[in-house]
Protein backbone atom coordinates (compact mmCIF):
# COMPACT_ATOMS: atom_id res chain seq x y z
CA MET A 1 49.49 121.98 83.28
CA LEU A 2 48.22 123.17 79.87
CA LEU A 3 48.17 119.70 78.75
CA ILE A 4 45.78 118.59 81.83
CA LEU A 5 43.49 121.40 80.92
CA LEU A 6 43.23 120.56 77.20
CA GLU A 7 42.67 116.81 78.17
CA ALA A 8 39.88 117.89 81.00
CA LEU A 9 38.24 120.12 78.16
CA LEU A 10 38.32 117.38 75.70
CA ALA A 11 36.68 115.20 77.97
CA LEU A 12 33.92 117.69 78.76
CA LEU A 13 33.33 117.92 75.18
CA LEU A 14 33.32 114.32 74.52
CA LEU A 15 30.64 114.01 77.46
CA VAL A 16 28.32 116.60 75.96
CA GLY A 17 28.93 115.21 72.54
CA ILE A 18 27.49 111.83 74.02
CA VAL A 19 24.62 113.56 75.79
CA TRP A 20 23.53 115.43 72.88
CA TRP A 21 23.81 112.43 70.78
CA THR A 22 21.71 110.23 73.11
CA MET A 23 19.15 113.22 73.71
CA PHE A 24 18.41 114.00 70.00
CA SER A 25 19.13 111.00 67.93
CA GLY A 26 15.79 109.22 68.55
CA ARG A 27 12.73 109.01 66.62
CA LYS A 28 12.22 111.28 63.72
CA GLY A 29 8.69 112.12 64.74
CA GLY A 30 9.66 112.35 68.54
CA GLU A 31 7.98 110.29 71.35
CA PRO A 32 4.61 108.59 70.34
CA PRO A 33 1.68 110.00 72.09
CA PRO A 34 0.75 108.46 75.31
CA HIS A 35 -1.64 105.62 75.44
CA GLU A 36 -5.25 106.77 76.69
CA PRO A 37 -7.24 104.15 78.54
CA PRO A 38 -10.80 103.06 76.74
CA GLU A 39 -13.57 104.93 78.02
CA GLU A 40 -16.05 102.98 80.02
CA LYS A 41 -19.56 103.37 79.21
């Protein structure tokens, strides 16, 4: 039983680590500013 709980905890930590890595390992300056359409004259 203890082995199953340890394995589940390891899987949860691995999932959290993957989500953390994908969220915070992107561009150094963050997302680029949104593109604004040119103003009509």
